[in-house]
C-alpha cells in the first residue's frame, strides 16, 4: 500500500526491490542490530533490518540513488479490563482488546 502510493507520485521514481536486493551494495551492507529491550521486528524474507540513518545514506550513495525509504509495520493489541486469577497475577483476564497497527515510512537522503 505505501509502496503503491510512492510509486503513483510524480515526485518519486522507485527502483524495483529485486534490483536493490540483488545489488552488491545491499548484499554487502550489514543489517543493523535490533534493540535488546524493544519488541523484536519481523523482517520480510530476503530483507534486512536497517535503521541507522548514516548507513542508509551510504547505501543510497552506493546504489546511486537520492535516498532510501524504509517501511515498517507494527501490530499488536491494547488490553482494556482487569487481570484476574490467583493473587491477581494475570492468569486470566476480563475485558476487551483493541488491535493496533502502525505503518511507518522513513526516508534517508544523501
Foldseek 3Di string as FASTA:
>chain_A
DVVVVQCVDPVDDDDDPVVLLPDPLQVVQAADDDDPPDDDFDDPPSHGHHDDLVSQQVSCVVVVHFKDKDKGKDKDKDWDFAADDDPRPRPDTDGDIDIDMDMDIDIRGD
